[in-house]
Protein backbone atom coordinates (compact mmCIF):
# COMPACT_ATOMS: atom_id res chain seq x y z
CA MET A 1 125.28 62.94 69.29
CA ASP A 2 127.74 66.09 69.73
CA GLU A 3 126.38 69.18 71.50
CA ALA A 4 125.95 70.98 68.83
CA GLY A 5 123.27 68.24 67.46
CA TRP A 6 120.73 69.07 70.44
CA ASP A 7 121.56 72.65 71.72
CA ARG A 8 119.01 74.81 69.80
CA ALA A 9 119.65 78.89 70.12
CA ARG A 10 122.90 78.51 71.60
CA TRP A 11 123.26 82.24 71.64
CA LEU A 12 120.36 82.29 74.45
CA TRP A 13 122.84 80.11 76.70
CA TRP A 14 125.41 82.69 75.83
CA LEU A 15 123.39 85.74 76.59
CA ALA A 16 122.36 84.04 79.62
CA LEU A 17 126.05 83.84 81.17
CA LEU A 18 126.73 87.47 79.87
CA GLY A 19 123.78 88.76 81.83
CA GLY A 20 124.36 86.54 84.78
CA ILE A 21 127.97 87.05 85.20
CA SER A 22 128.02 90.74 84.55
CA PHE A 23 125.34 91.50 87.00
CA PHE A 24 127.96 90.90 89.78
CA ILE A 25 129.39 94.29 88.86
CA ALA A 26 125.84 95.76 89.92
CA VAL A 27 126.08 93.84 93.11
CA PHE A 28 129.39 94.63 94.25
CA GLN A 29 128.75 98.29 93.22
CA ARG A 30 125.52 98.15 95.00
CA LEU A 31 123.51 99.70 92.04
CA ASP A 32 119.88 100.07 92.32
CA GLY A 33 116.89 101.40 90.06
CA PRO A 34 114.61 100.13 87.41
CA ALA A 35 117.32 99.49 84.79
CA ILE A 36 119.44 97.47 87.53
CA TRP A 37 116.33 95.18 88.39
CA ALA A 38 115.93 94.46 84.60
CA TRP A 39 119.73 93.77 84.13
CA LYS A 40 119.18 91.23 87.29
CA THR A 41 116.58 89.38 85.29
CA THR A 42 118.49 88.80 82.02
CA GLY A 43 120.76 85.77 83.33
CA VAL A 44 117.85 83.53 84.38
CA ALA A 45 115.42 85.07 82.00
CA PHE A 46 117.66 84.04 79.11
CA LEU A 47 118.22 80.56 80.81
CA ALA A 48 114.28 80.21 80.47
CA LEU A 49 114.02 81.32 76.78
CA TRP A 50 116.95 78.78 76.06
CA ALA A 51 115.15 76.06 78.01
CA ALA A 52 111.82 76.77 76.01
CA ALA A 53 113.72 77.06 72.91
CA ASN A 54 115.04 73.25 73.47
CA ALA A 55 111.76 72.01 74.77
CA ARG A 56 110.47 68.95 73.01
CA GLU A 57 107.68 67.80 75.30
CA LYS A 58 106.43 68.45 78.87
CA ASN A 59 109.37 68.03 80.90
CA GLY A 60 110.94 70.63 78.58
CA TRP A 61 108.43 73.06 79.31
CA LEU A 62 108.38 72.35 83.10
CA ILE A 63 111.97 73.49 83.32
CA ALA A 64 111.48 76.45 81.12
CA ALA A 65 108.51 77.58 83.36
CA ALA A 66 110.42 76.95 86.57
CA LEU A 67 113.24 79.32 85.23
CA GLY A 68 110.68 81.75 83.95
CA PHE A 69 108.98 81.98 87.69
CA GLY A 70 112.89 82.37 89.06
CA ALA A 71 113.51 85.28 86.57
CA LEU A 72 110.12 87.05 87.60
CA GLY A 73 111.06 86.32 91.26
CA ASP A 74 114.41 88.21 90.66
CA TRP A 75 112.48 91.26 89.35
CA LEU A 76 109.72 91.12 91.76
CA LEU A 77 111.99 91.01 95.15
CA ASP A 78 113.39 94.54 94.03
CA ALA A 79 110.27 96.17 92.01
CA ARG A 80 107.70 94.55 94.43
CA GLY A 81 109.26 93.67 97.67
CA LEU A 82 110.20 90.63 99.39
CA GLU A 83 106.91 88.72 99.99
CA THR A 84 105.75 88.93 96.24
CA GLY A 85 109.28 88.02 94.90
CA ALA A 86 109.30 85.01 97.32
CA ALA A 87 105.84 83.91 96.17
CA ALA A 88 107.10 83.80 92.54
CA PHE A 89 110.12 81.92 93.69
CA ALA A 90 107.97 79.32 95.39
CA ILE A 91 105.68 78.73 92.36
CA GLY A 92 108.91 78.03 90.43
CA HIS A 93 110.17 75.44 93.00
CA VAL A 94 106.86 73.71 93.15
CA ILE A 95 106.91 73.52 89.30
CA ALA A 96 110.60 72.30 89.68
CA ILE A 97 109.75 69.69 92.41
CA THR A 98 106.62 68.28 90.14
CA LEU A 99 109.40 68.00 87.30
CA TYR A 100 112.11 66.11 89.56
CA LEU A 101 109.43 63.73 91.23
CA ILE A 102 108.09 62.83 87.80
CA ASN A 103 111.78 62.14 86.73
CA ARG A 104 112.83 60.44 90.07
CA ARG A 105 115.93 58.27 89.83
CA ALA A 106 115.05 54.51 89.72
CA GLN A 107 118.15 53.43 91.88
CA MET A 108 119.82 55.38 94.50
CA THR A 109 122.65 54.52 96.92
CA ALA A 110 122.16 54.92 100.73
CA SER A 111 124.02 58.19 101.06
CA GLN A 112 122.33 59.51 98.14
CA ARG A 113 118.74 58.70 99.48
CA LEU A 114 119.96 60.09 102.94
CA LEU A 115 120.98 63.66 101.66
CA GLY A 116 117.68 63.82 99.79
CA TRP A 117 115.87 62.89 103.13
CA LEU A 118 117.83 65.18 105.54
CA THR A 119 117.96 68.27 103.23
CA MET A 120 114.77 69.81 104.26
CA PRO A 121 115.13 69.19 108.20
CA ALA A 122 118.66 70.31 108.07
CA THR A 123 117.82 73.30 106.18
CA LEU A 124 114.99 74.17 108.76
CA ALA A 125 117.38 73.85 111.66
CA ILE A 126 119.97 75.91 110.14
CA VAL A 127 117.26 78.69 109.63
CA TRP A 128 115.96 78.44 112.83
CA GLY A 129 119.47 78.83 114.50
CA MET A 130 120.65 81.75 112.35
CA LEU A 131 117.01 83.80 112.30
CA SER A 132 115.15 82.80 115.69
CA PRO A 133 114.01 84.46 117.72
CA GLN A 134 113.88 87.36 115.38
CA PRO A 135 110.14 88.66 114.59
CA GLY A 136 108.93 86.78 111.48
CA TRP A 137 111.68 84.32 111.17
CA TRP A 138 109.49 81.68 110.58
CA HIS A 139 108.42 83.25 107.17
CA ALA A 140 112.12 82.70 106.17
CA ALA A 141 111.59 79.01 107.32
CA VAL A 142 108.49 78.49 105.52
CA TYR A 143 109.95 79.70 102.42
CA SER A 144 113.43 77.67 102.95
CA LEU A 145 111.35 74.47 102.98
CA PHE A 146 110.39 75.21 99.31
CA VAL A 147 113.90 75.48 98.28
CA ALA A 148 115.16 72.67 100.40
CA ALA A 149 112.36 70.36 98.97
CA MET A 150 113.42 71.53 95.38
CA ALA A 151 117.09 70.51 96.15
CA ALA A 152 116.22 67.63 97.49
CA ALA A 153 114.01 66.42 94.55
CA ALA A 154 116.79 67.49 92.35
CA TRP A 155 119.33 65.55 93.87
CA THR A 156 117.34 62.28 93.83
CA SER A 157 116.22 62.93 90.24
CA ARG A 158 117.68 61.20 87.24
CA PHE A 159 119.12 64.33 85.82
CA PRO A 160 122.96 64.83 86.07
CA ARG A 161 123.55 65.14 89.77
CA TYR A 162 126.87 67.31 89.15
CA ARG A 163 125.05 69.48 87.07
CA THR A 164 121.32 69.81 88.23
CA GLY A 165 121.82 68.25 91.43
CA ILE A 166 124.73 70.33 92.51
CA GLY A 167 123.12 73.42 91.02
CA ALA A 168 120.24 72.87 93.17
CA MET A 169 122.19 72.67 96.39
CA MET A 170 124.08 75.71 95.28
CA PHE A 171 120.74 77.55 94.90
CA LEU A 172 119.66 76.45 98.68
CA ALA A 173 123.21 77.61 99.80
CA SER A 174 122.75 81.23 98.44
CA ASP A 175 119.41 81.48 100.30
CA LEU A 176 121.02 80.17 103.44
CA PHE A 177 123.75 83.08 102.87
CA ILE A 178 121.01 85.29 102.61
CA PHE A 179 119.79 84.38 105.89
CA ALA A 180 123.11 84.46 107.48
CA GLY A 181 123.52 87.96 106.38
CA GLU A 182 120.09 89.03 107.89
CA GLY A 183 120.56 87.13 111.07
CA GLY A 184 124.13 88.58 111.55
CA VAL A 185 125.89 85.11 111.45
CA LEU A 186 127.92 86.38 108.77
CA GLY A 187 128.54 90.15 107.85
CA LYS A 188 127.00 91.39 104.61
CA ASP A 189 130.47 92.28 103.06
CA VAL A 190 131.07 88.50 103.28
CA THR A 191 127.84 87.40 101.74
CA ILE A 192 127.82 89.85 98.95
CA TRP A 193 130.61 87.51 97.48
CA LEU A 194 128.62 84.43 97.73
CA VAL A 195 125.01 84.75 97.32
CA TRP A 196 124.60 85.93 93.69
CA PRO A 197 127.42 83.69 92.25
CA LEU A 198 125.98 80.47 93.79
CA TYR A 199 122.46 81.71 92.75
CA PHE A 200 123.04 82.35 89.32
CA GLY A 201 125.78 79.43 88.90
CA GLY A 202 123.21 77.08 90.55
CA GLN A 203 120.43 78.04 88.06
CA ALA A 204 122.71 77.73 85.24
CA LEU A 205 123.80 74.28 86.26
CA ILE A 206 120.22 73.20 86.93
CA ALA A 207 118.97 74.51 83.38
CA ARG A 208 122.17 72.80 81.79
CA GLY A 209 121.42 69.51 83.45
CA VAL A 210 117.86 69.25 82.49
CA VAL A 211 117.67 70.81 79.30
CA SER A 212 120.67 68.73 77.84
CA THR A 213 119.32 65.46 79.07
CA LEU A 214 115.91 65.95 77.79
CA ALA A 215 117.18 67.28 74.38
CA LYS A 216 119.65 64.65 73.75
CA GLU A 217 117.00 61.89 74.58
CA ALA A 218 114.41 63.47 72.22
CA GLU A 219 117.10 63.60 69.37
CA ALA A 220 118.23 60.06 70.00
C-alpha cells in the first residue's frame, strides 16, 4: 500500500513539522512569554492530533495519548514549572512504555537485547556523574529513569527501530543534554543547539514509526 493510502489528515503532519522546526527560532532568540509557550506546544500537539486521526484501535490511541501528554509537558514546563511539566511527561512515558511492552519484538539479537537492558543503568550513571552532588540531583535521576525505560522499551518493540527506536533514543539524549547544561558539563551555548532538535526530531520519528506501522496493518 502506498503512503497516501494509510495517511489520514496528512496536513496535520506537515503542521507538526512546521511548528516544531520553526520553534528553533524562539529557542535561538531566547524568546519567552505565553505566546511562545503556545508556539512550543504546536509541534508535538499536531503530532498527537495526527496520530489520533490515524488511530484505528487501542495501540493507535495509546501513541496519540503519549504524544498528547508530551505536548502538555512542553507547555507546563514554562507555564507552571519544572515539576509539573516533568509529571506530565512522566505520564506520557508510562503510556508509551505500556504501548511498547504490548508490542514487544518477538525476536531480538543479543546486541539489541543488551542495549535494552543497559539503557536505564547507563542513563542513571550518566546523570549521577553530571549532577551529583548538587542538591536535588536525584529528582533528575528519577525522572531520567522514566525516559530511559521508554527508550529501552521502544528499542525492543516491534516498531521500526530506525524510526521509533532511534527517535526514542534521541528523546533520551535531549534530556541528557539538558542535564549536561545544568550540571556545567557543557555550556548552555552548546546545548541550545542540541536539546530542541533532538527532542522534536525524536518525537516526530517515534510518531512516524508507530503510526505508519499500525495504520498500514489496519488497512492491509
